[in-house]
């Protein structure tokens, strides 16, 4: 069995007039994340971790923001396409661990739904998905409530 590890990261500005979507879950909040798609930093970081582990580049190469096809797309749909590409490489998801970096809102109550949604698309059990959140204690753009970021690590195994 061959194991492969990938690291993903994403960062988006918070703006008025957009829904806040994290891990495919709409979070009640006064701002949302700017982006070509739905701006879901958590799912984007997971996409990048999977693509990196599979040696397939990054989310910007797969879904360029110059392509109108991806405008306002669901990041879970992007993740499903990434999972398909990973499978075509003879790899399957073993585990994903993530952290959302945000000053507010409180995200912990939404973790179970995020894990369920991500697990469904990844084809694993929710117990194989870690979702956590950290603040920057008021430092920099995230701490001022201007942005959010996410990091993800993915473990893949060979299916051959």
N, C-alpha and C. Protein backbone atom coordinates (compact mmCIF):
# COMPACT_ATOMS: atom_id res chain seq x y z
N UNK A 1 0.85 -1.19 0.00
CA UNK A 1 0.00 0.00 0.00
C UNK A 1 0.88 1.24 0.00
N UNK A 2 0.53 2.19 -0.85
CA UNK A 2 1.25 3.46 -0.93
C UNK A 2 0.37 4.54 -0.30
N UNK A 3 0.97 5.32 0.59
CA UNK A 3 0.28 6.46 1.21
C UNK A 3 0.86 7.75 0.67
N UNK A 4 -0.02 8.75 0.48
CA UNK A 4 0.41 10.06 0.00
C UNK A 4 -0.26 11.14 0.84
N UNK A 5 0.48 12.20 1.14
CA UNK A 5 -0.01 13.29 1.98
C UNK A 5 0.01 14.59 1.17
N UNK A 6 -1.03 15.40 1.34
CA UNK A 6 -1.09 16.70 0.69
C UNK A 6 -1.52 17.78 1.67
N UNK A 7 -1.06 18.99 1.43
CA UNK A 7 -1.37 20.14 2.28
C UNK A 7 -2.12 21.17 1.44
N UNK A 8 -3.20 21.70 2.00
CA UNK A 8 -3.97 22.73 1.30
C UNK A 8 -4.15 23.96 2.16
N UNK A 9 -4.29 25.11 1.49
CA UNK A 9 -4.47 26.39 2.18
C UNK A 9 -5.33 27.28 1.30
N UNK A 10 -6.20 28.06 1.91
CA UNK A 10 -6.96 29.06 1.16
C UNK A 10 -7.25 30.25 2.07
N UNK A 11 -7.46 31.41 1.44
CA UNK A 11 -7.64 32.67 2.16
C UNK A 11 -8.54 33.56 1.31
N UNK A 12 -9.62 34.08 1.90
CA UNK A 12 -10.53 34.96 1.16
C UNK A 12 -10.96 36.14 2.04
N UNK A 13 -11.24 37.27 1.37
CA UNK A 13 -11.78 38.45 2.05
C UNK A 13 -13.23 38.20 2.43
N UNK A 14 -13.66 38.78 3.52
CA UNK A 14 -15.08 38.81 3.91
C UNK A 14 -15.70 40.06 3.31
N UNK A 15 -16.88 39.91 2.71
CA UNK A 15 -17.56 41.04 2.06
C UNK A 15 -19.05 41.01 2.38
N UNK A 16 -19.67 42.16 2.28
CA UNK A 16 -21.12 42.28 2.43
C UNK A 16 -21.80 41.67 1.21
N UNK A 17 -23.02 41.19 1.40
CA UNK A 17 -23.84 40.76 0.27
C UNK A 17 -23.57 39.35 -0.23
N UNK A 18 -22.80 38.56 0.50
CA UNK A 18 -22.55 37.16 0.13
C UNK A 18 -22.89 36.27 1.30
N UNK A 19 -23.33 35.06 1.01
CA UNK A 19 -23.57 34.06 2.06
C UNK A 19 -22.23 33.51 2.51
N UNK A 20 -22.15 33.19 3.80
CA UNK A 20 -20.95 32.55 4.34
C UNK A 20 -21.14 31.04 4.25
N UNK A 21 -20.33 30.41 3.40
CA UNK A 21 -20.38 28.97 3.20
C UNK A 21 -19.04 28.40 3.63
N UNK A 22 -19.07 27.43 4.55
CA UNK A 22 -17.87 26.74 5.01
C UNK A 22 -18.15 25.25 5.07
N UNK A 23 -17.34 24.47 4.40
CA UNK A 23 -17.57 23.02 4.38
C UNK A 23 -18.91 22.66 3.77
N UNK A 24 -19.40 23.50 2.88
CA UNK A 24 -20.69 23.25 2.24
C UNK A 24 -21.89 23.63 3.08
N UNK A 25 -21.66 24.23 4.23
CA UNK A 25 -22.73 24.60 5.16
C UNK A 25 -22.88 26.12 5.18
N UNK A 26 -24.12 26.59 5.04
CA UNK A 26 -24.37 28.03 5.15
C UNK A 26 -24.40 28.41 6.62
N UNK A 27 -23.54 29.36 6.99
CA UNK A 27 -23.40 29.82 8.37
C UNK A 27 -24.07 31.19 8.49
N UNK A 28 -24.99 31.36 9.43
CA UNK A 28 -25.59 32.68 9.61
C UNK A 28 -24.51 33.70 10.03
N UNK A 29 -24.34 34.73 9.21
CA UNK A 29 -23.35 35.77 9.50
C UNK A 29 -23.64 36.96 8.61
N UNK A 30 -23.17 38.12 9.00
CA UNK A 30 -23.45 39.35 8.25
C UNK A 30 -22.62 39.50 6.98
N UNK A 31 -21.57 38.69 6.82
CA UNK A 31 -20.71 38.77 5.65
C UNK A 31 -20.48 37.37 5.09
N UNK A 32 -20.02 37.34 3.85
CA UNK A 32 -19.62 36.08 3.22
C UNK A 32 -18.25 36.23 2.62
N UNK A 33 -17.75 35.15 2.05
CA UNK A 33 -16.40 35.14 1.50
C UNK A 33 -16.41 35.47 0.01
N UNK A 34 -15.59 36.44 -0.37
CA UNK A 34 -15.45 36.80 -1.78
C UNK A 34 -14.75 35.66 -2.51
N UNK A 35 -15.13 35.45 -3.74
CA UNK A 35 -14.47 34.42 -4.53
C UNK A 35 -15.20 34.22 -5.84
N UNK A 36 -14.53 33.58 -6.77
CA UNK A 36 -15.15 33.30 -8.07
C UNK A 36 -16.28 32.29 -7.90
N UNK A 37 -16.03 31.26 -7.07
CA UNK A 37 -17.08 30.29 -6.76
C UNK A 37 -17.82 30.81 -5.53
N UNK A 38 -18.27 29.91 -4.66
CA UNK A 38 -18.97 30.36 -3.45
C UNK A 38 -18.01 30.85 -2.35
N UNK A 39 -16.69 30.77 -2.61
CA UNK A 39 -15.70 31.30 -1.66
C UNK A 39 -15.44 30.43 -0.45
N UNK A 40 -15.87 29.19 -0.45
CA UNK A 40 -15.76 28.28 0.70
C UNK A 40 -14.29 27.91 0.95
N UNK A 41 -13.61 28.67 1.82
CA UNK A 41 -12.18 28.46 2.07
C UNK A 41 -11.89 27.07 2.60
N UNK A 42 -12.77 26.51 3.40
CA UNK A 42 -12.54 25.19 3.97
C UNK A 42 -12.51 24.13 2.86
N UNK A 43 -13.51 24.12 2.01
CA UNK A 43 -13.57 23.14 0.94
C UNK A 43 -12.45 23.37 -0.07
N UNK A 44 -12.10 24.62 -0.33
CA UNK A 44 -10.99 24.91 -1.24
C UNK A 44 -9.68 24.36 -0.69
N UNK A 45 -9.45 24.51 0.61
CA UNK A 45 -8.23 23.97 1.22
C UNK A 45 -8.20 22.44 1.10
N UNK A 46 -9.36 21.80 1.29
CA UNK A 46 -9.43 20.34 1.14
C UNK A 46 -9.12 19.96 -0.31
N UNK A 47 -9.68 20.69 -1.27
CA UNK A 47 -9.37 20.42 -2.69
C UNK A 47 -7.88 20.49 -2.94
N UNK A 48 -7.23 21.54 -2.44
CA UNK A 48 -5.80 21.70 -2.66
C UNK A 48 -5.00 20.58 -2.00
N UNK A 49 -5.40 20.15 -0.81
CA UNK A 49 -4.70 19.06 -0.13
C UNK A 49 -4.80 17.77 -0.95
N UNK A 50 -5.99 17.47 -1.46
CA UNK A 50 -6.17 16.27 -2.27
C UNK A 50 -5.38 16.35 -3.56
N UNK A 51 -5.47 17.50 -4.24
CA UNK A 51 -4.74 17.66 -5.49
C UNK A 51 -3.23 17.55 -5.27
N UNK A 52 -2.74 18.13 -4.19
CA UNK A 52 -1.32 18.04 -3.88
C UNK A 52 -0.87 16.61 -3.61
N UNK A 53 -1.66 15.89 -2.83
CA UNK A 53 -1.31 14.50 -2.52
C UNK A 53 -1.29 13.64 -3.77
N UNK A 54 -2.15 13.95 -4.71
CA UNK A 54 -2.24 13.17 -5.95
C UNK A 54 -1.28 13.66 -7.03
N UNK A 55 -0.56 14.76 -6.76
CA UNK A 55 0.36 15.31 -7.75
C UNK A 55 -0.35 15.96 -8.93
N UNK A 56 -1.52 16.54 -8.67
CA UNK A 56 -2.35 17.09 -9.74
C UNK A 56 -2.41 18.62 -9.76
N UNK A 57 -1.47 19.28 -9.09
CA UNK A 57 -1.47 20.74 -9.12
C UNK A 57 -2.30 21.34 -8.01
N UNK A 58 -3.03 22.42 -8.34
CA UNK A 58 -3.82 23.10 -7.32
C UNK A 58 -5.18 23.50 -7.88
N UNK A 59 -5.99 24.04 -7.00
CA UNK A 59 -7.38 24.37 -7.35
C UNK A 59 -7.45 25.43 -8.46
N UNK A 60 -6.51 26.36 -8.48
CA UNK A 60 -6.49 27.39 -9.51
C UNK A 60 -6.23 26.82 -10.90
N UNK A 61 -5.45 25.76 -10.98
CA UNK A 61 -5.20 25.10 -12.26
C UNK A 61 -6.42 24.31 -12.71
N UNK A 62 -7.09 23.67 -11.76
CA UNK A 62 -8.25 22.85 -12.07
C UNK A 62 -9.48 23.69 -12.40
N UNK A 63 -9.68 24.77 -11.65
CA UNK A 63 -10.87 25.61 -11.77
C UNK A 63 -10.46 27.07 -11.87
N UNK A 64 -9.90 27.50 -13.01
CA UNK A 64 -9.41 28.88 -13.12
C UNK A 64 -10.52 29.92 -12.93
N UNK A 65 -10.17 30.99 -12.22
CA UNK A 65 -11.17 32.04 -11.99
C UNK A 65 -11.45 32.86 -13.24
N UNK A 66 -10.79 32.54 -14.32
CA UNK A 66 -11.07 33.19 -15.61
C UNK A 66 -12.15 32.44 -16.39
N UNK A 67 -12.55 31.27 -15.89
CA UNK A 67 -13.54 30.45 -16.57
C UNK A 67 -14.92 30.74 -15.98
N UNK A 68 -15.84 31.31 -16.77
CA UNK A 68 -17.17 31.66 -16.26
C UNK A 68 -17.97 30.43 -15.79
N UNK A 69 -17.57 29.26 -16.22
CA UNK A 69 -18.26 28.03 -15.82
C UNK A 69 -18.25 27.84 -14.30
N UNK A 70 -17.21 28.36 -13.63
CA UNK A 70 -17.08 28.17 -12.19
C UNK A 70 -17.62 29.35 -11.38
N UNK A 71 -18.15 30.37 -12.04
CA UNK A 71 -18.68 31.55 -11.35
C UNK A 71 -19.81 31.12 -10.42
N UNK A 72 -19.67 31.43 -9.13
CA UNK A 72 -20.65 31.12 -8.08
C UNK A 72 -20.92 29.62 -7.92
N UNK A 73 -20.00 28.78 -8.40
CA UNK A 73 -20.18 27.32 -8.28
C UNK A 73 -20.10 26.88 -6.82
N UNK A 74 -20.82 25.82 -6.51
CA UNK A 74 -20.72 25.20 -5.19
C UNK A 74 -19.34 24.57 -5.05
N UNK A 75 -18.65 24.88 -3.98
CA UNK A 75 -17.34 24.28 -3.76
C UNK A 75 -17.44 22.78 -3.52
N UNK A 76 -18.59 22.31 -3.05
CA UNK A 76 -18.76 20.86 -2.92
C UNK A 76 -18.78 20.19 -4.29
N UNK A 77 -19.30 20.87 -5.31
CA UNK A 77 -19.25 20.34 -6.67
C UNK A 77 -17.81 20.31 -7.17
N UNK A 78 -17.03 21.33 -6.83
CA UNK A 78 -15.62 21.34 -7.19
C UNK A 78 -14.90 20.18 -6.50
N UNK A 79 -15.20 19.99 -5.23
CA UNK A 79 -14.59 18.89 -4.47
C UNK A 79 -14.94 17.54 -5.09
N UNK A 80 -16.18 17.38 -5.53
CA UNK A 80 -16.58 16.11 -6.15
C UNK A 80 -15.75 15.84 -7.40
N UNK A 81 -15.48 16.88 -8.18
CA UNK A 81 -14.65 16.72 -9.39
C UNK A 81 -13.21 16.37 -9.00
N UNK A 82 -12.70 16.97 -7.93
CA UNK A 82 -11.35 16.67 -7.46
C UNK A 82 -11.27 15.21 -6.99
N UNK A 83 -12.27 14.75 -6.26
CA UNK A 83 -12.30 13.36 -5.80
C UNK A 83 -12.30 12.41 -6.99
N UNK A 84 -13.03 12.76 -8.02
CA UNK A 84 -13.05 11.95 -9.24
C UNK A 84 -11.65 11.89 -9.87
N UNK A 85 -10.97 13.03 -9.97
CA UNK A 85 -9.63 13.08 -10.55
C UNK A 85 -8.63 12.28 -9.72
N UNK A 86 -8.76 12.36 -8.39
CA UNK A 86 -7.90 11.60 -7.49
C UNK A 86 -8.13 10.10 -7.71
N UNK A 87 -9.39 9.71 -7.84
CA UNK A 87 -9.72 8.31 -8.11
C UNK A 87 -9.14 7.82 -9.42
N UNK A 88 -9.13 8.69 -10.42
CA UNK A 88 -8.55 8.34 -11.72
C UNK A 88 -7.05 8.09 -11.63
N UNK A 89 -6.42 8.60 -10.57
CA UNK A 89 -4.99 8.37 -10.33
C UNK A 89 -4.77 7.09 -9.51
N UNK A 90 -5.85 6.36 -9.21
CA UNK A 90 -5.74 5.14 -8.42
C UNK A 90 -5.55 5.40 -6.94
N UNK A 91 -6.11 6.53 -6.48
CA UNK A 91 -5.97 6.92 -5.07
C UNK A 91 -7.34 7.12 -4.44
N UNK A 92 -7.42 6.87 -3.13
CA UNK A 92 -8.65 7.07 -2.37
C UNK A 92 -8.34 7.81 -1.07
N UNK A 93 -9.31 8.57 -0.59
CA UNK A 93 -9.15 9.34 0.65
C UNK A 93 -9.17 8.40 1.84
N UNK A 94 -8.20 8.58 2.73
CA UNK A 94 -8.15 7.86 4.00
C UNK A 94 -8.65 8.78 5.11
N UNK A 95 -8.11 10.01 5.14
CA UNK A 95 -8.43 10.95 6.21
C UNK A 95 -8.13 12.36 5.75
N UNK A 96 -8.90 13.32 6.28
CA UNK A 96 -8.66 14.75 6.05
C UNK A 96 -8.78 15.46 7.39
N UNK A 97 -7.84 16.34 7.68
CA UNK A 97 -7.89 17.15 8.89
C UNK A 97 -7.78 18.61 8.48
N UNK A 98 -8.60 19.46 9.10
CA UNK A 98 -8.67 20.86 8.69
C UNK A 98 -8.70 21.80 9.89
N UNK A 99 -8.35 23.05 9.62
CA UNK A 99 -8.54 24.12 10.59
C UNK A 99 -8.99 25.36 9.84
N UNK A 100 -10.03 26.00 10.36
CA UNK A 100 -10.52 27.28 9.83
C UNK A 100 -9.95 28.37 10.72
N UNK A 101 -9.42 29.42 10.12
CA UNK A 101 -8.87 30.53 10.88
C UNK A 101 -9.80 31.71 10.66
N UNK A 102 -10.52 32.08 11.72
CA UNK A 102 -11.54 33.14 11.64
C UNK A 102 -11.72 33.76 13.02
N UNK A 103 -11.96 35.05 13.06
CA UNK A 103 -12.21 35.71 14.33
C UNK A 103 -13.64 35.47 14.81
N UNK A 104 -14.57 35.50 13.88
CA UNK A 104 -15.98 35.24 14.17
C UNK A 104 -16.66 34.84 12.89
N UNK A 105 -17.80 34.24 12.90
CA UNK A 105 -18.64 33.85 14.04
C UNK A 105 -18.12 32.58 14.70
N UNK A 106 -18.81 32.16 15.75
CA UNK A 106 -18.49 30.90 16.41
C UNK A 106 -18.87 29.77 15.46
N UNK A 107 -17.92 28.89 15.18
CA UNK A 107 -18.13 27.87 14.17
C UNK A 107 -18.37 26.46 14.73
N UNK A 108 -17.97 26.22 15.96
CA UNK A 108 -18.06 24.86 16.53
C UNK A 108 -19.45 24.22 16.40
N UNK A 109 -20.55 24.96 16.59
CA UNK A 109 -21.85 24.32 16.45
C UNK A 109 -22.12 23.76 15.04
N UNK A 110 -21.36 24.22 14.05
CA UNK A 110 -21.57 23.80 12.67
C UNK A 110 -20.63 22.68 12.23
N UNK A 111 -19.68 22.31 13.08
CA UNK A 111 -18.70 21.29 12.70
C UNK A 111 -19.33 19.96 12.32
N UNK A 112 -20.30 19.44 13.07
CA UNK A 112 -20.86 18.13 12.68
C UNK A 112 -21.44 18.13 11.26
N UNK A 113 -22.15 19.19 10.88
CA UNK A 113 -22.72 19.27 9.52
C UNK A 113 -21.62 19.42 8.47
N UNK A 114 -20.59 20.18 8.78
CA UNK A 114 -19.47 20.32 7.85
C UNK A 114 -18.81 18.97 7.62
N UNK A 115 -18.57 18.24 8.70
CA UNK A 115 -17.94 16.92 8.58
C UNK A 115 -18.81 15.99 7.76
N UNK A 116 -20.12 16.02 7.99
CA UNK A 116 -21.03 15.15 7.23
C UNK A 116 -21.01 15.48 5.75
N UNK A 117 -21.10 16.77 5.42
CA UNK A 117 -21.12 17.17 4.01
C UNK A 117 -19.81 16.83 3.31
N UNK A 118 -18.69 17.12 3.95
CA UNK A 118 -17.40 16.81 3.35
C UNK A 118 -17.22 15.30 3.21
N UNK A 119 -17.58 14.55 4.24
CA UNK A 119 -17.43 13.09 4.21
C UNK A 119 -18.25 12.47 3.09
N UNK A 120 -19.45 12.98 2.89
CA UNK A 120 -20.31 12.45 1.83
C UNK A 120 -19.64 12.58 0.47
N UNK A 121 -19.08 13.75 0.19
CA UNK A 121 -18.43 13.98 -1.10
C UNK A 121 -17.12 13.20 -1.20
N UNK A 122 -16.41 13.08 -0.09
CA UNK A 122 -15.12 12.39 -0.09
C UNK A 122 -15.27 10.86 -0.09
N UNK A 123 -16.46 10.37 0.20
CA UNK A 123 -16.69 8.94 0.23
C UNK A 123 -16.11 8.24 1.44
N UNK A 124 -16.09 8.96 2.57
CA UNK A 124 -15.59 8.40 3.83
C UNK A 124 -16.61 8.66 4.93
N UNK A 125 -16.34 8.14 6.11
CA UNK A 125 -17.18 8.39 7.27
C UNK A 125 -16.84 9.75 7.89
N UNK A 126 -17.81 10.43 8.51
CA UNK A 126 -17.51 11.71 9.16
C UNK A 126 -16.37 11.62 10.18
N UNK A 127 -16.19 10.46 10.80
CA UNK A 127 -15.11 10.30 11.78
C UNK A 127 -13.73 10.41 11.15
N UNK A 128 -13.66 10.33 9.82
CA UNK A 128 -12.39 10.44 9.12
C UNK A 128 -12.07 11.88 8.71
N UNK A 129 -12.94 12.81 9.12
CA UNK A 129 -12.78 14.22 8.81
C UNK A 129 -12.62 15.01 10.10
N UNK A 130 -11.56 15.79 10.19
CA UNK A 130 -11.38 16.67 11.33
C UNK A 130 -11.68 18.10 10.91
N UNK A 131 -12.46 18.82 11.72
CA UNK A 131 -12.73 20.24 11.47
C UNK A 131 -12.55 20.97 12.79
N UNK A 132 -11.69 21.98 12.78
CA UNK A 132 -11.43 22.78 13.97
C UNK A 132 -11.43 24.25 13.55
N UNK A 133 -11.43 25.14 14.53
CA UNK A 133 -11.33 26.57 14.23
C UNK A 133 -10.40 27.22 15.24
N UNK A 134 -9.69 28.22 14.76
CA UNK A 134 -8.80 29.02 15.60
C UNK A 134 -9.01 30.48 15.24
N UNK A 135 -8.71 31.36 16.19
CA UNK A 135 -8.73 32.80 15.91
C UNK A 135 -7.29 33.27 15.79
N UNK A 136 -7.12 34.50 15.40
CA UNK A 136 -5.78 35.11 15.40
C UNK A 136 -5.66 36.11 16.55
N UNK A 137 -6.61 36.03 17.48
CA UNK A 137 -6.61 36.89 18.66
C UNK A 137 -6.51 38.36 18.29
N UNK A 138 -7.26 38.73 17.26
CA UNK A 138 -7.33 40.13 16.86
C UNK A 138 -6.21 40.62 15.97
N UNK A 139 -5.30 39.76 15.59
CA UNK A 139 -4.16 40.18 14.78
C UNK A 139 -4.48 40.12 13.29
N UNK A 140 -3.94 41.07 12.56
CA UNK A 140 -3.98 41.14 11.11
C UNK A 140 -5.40 41.11 10.54
N UNK A 141 -5.53 40.87 9.23
CA UNK A 141 -6.82 40.97 8.54
C UNK A 141 -7.86 40.01 9.10
N UNK A 142 -7.45 38.80 9.43
CA UNK A 142 -8.41 37.83 9.98
C UNK A 142 -8.91 38.32 11.33
N UNK A 143 -8.01 38.77 12.16
CA UNK A 143 -8.38 39.25 13.49
C UNK A 143 -9.26 40.49 13.46
N UNK A 144 -9.12 41.29 12.42
CA UNK A 144 -9.97 42.48 12.26
C UNK A 144 -11.31 42.13 11.62
N UNK A 145 -11.54 40.87 11.31
CA UNK A 145 -12.80 40.46 10.70
C UNK A 145 -12.89 40.78 9.22
N UNK A 146 -11.75 40.92 8.56
CA UNK A 146 -11.72 41.26 7.13
C UNK A 146 -11.57 40.04 6.23
N UNK A 147 -11.20 38.89 6.81
CA UNK A 147 -10.90 37.71 6.00
C UNK A 147 -11.02 36.45 6.84
N UNK A 148 -10.99 35.32 6.14
CA UNK A 148 -10.92 33.99 6.76
C UNK A 148 -9.94 33.15 5.95
N UNK A 149 -9.38 32.16 6.61
CA UNK A 149 -8.47 31.24 5.94
C UNK A 149 -8.77 29.82 6.42
N UNK A 150 -8.22 28.86 5.72
CA UNK A 150 -8.34 27.46 6.14
C UNK A 150 -7.12 26.69 5.67
N UNK A 151 -6.78 25.68 6.45
CA UNK A 151 -5.70 24.76 6.09
C UNK A 151 -6.26 23.34 6.16
N UNK A 152 -5.71 22.47 5.32
CA UNK A 152 -6.15 21.08 5.32
C UNK A 152 -4.97 20.16 5.02
N UNK A 153 -5.01 18.99 5.61
CA UNK A 153 -4.06 17.93 5.31
C UNK A 153 -4.90 16.72 4.90
N UNK A 154 -4.49 16.09 3.79
CA UNK A 154 -5.20 14.91 3.31
C UNK A 154 -4.25 13.73 3.22
N UNK A 155 -4.74 12.57 3.62
CA UNK A 155 -4.01 11.32 3.49
C UNK A 155 -4.75 10.46 2.47
N UNK A 156 -4.02 10.06 1.43
CA UNK A 156 -4.59 9.21 0.38
C UNK A 156 -3.84 7.87 0.39
N UNK A 157 -4.54 6.83 -0.08
CA UNK A 157 -3.89 5.54 -0.25
C UNK A 157 -4.12 5.03 -1.66
N UNK A 158 -3.19 4.23 -2.12
CA UNK A 158 -3.31 3.63 -3.44
C UNK A 158 -4.41 2.58 -3.41
N UNK A 159 -5.21 2.54 -4.46
CA UNK A 159 -6.29 1.54 -4.53
C UNK A 159 -5.86 0.32 -5.34
N UNK A 160 -4.62 0.29 -5.81
CA UNK A 160 -4.11 -0.83 -6.60
C UNK A 160 -3.40 -1.83 -5.72
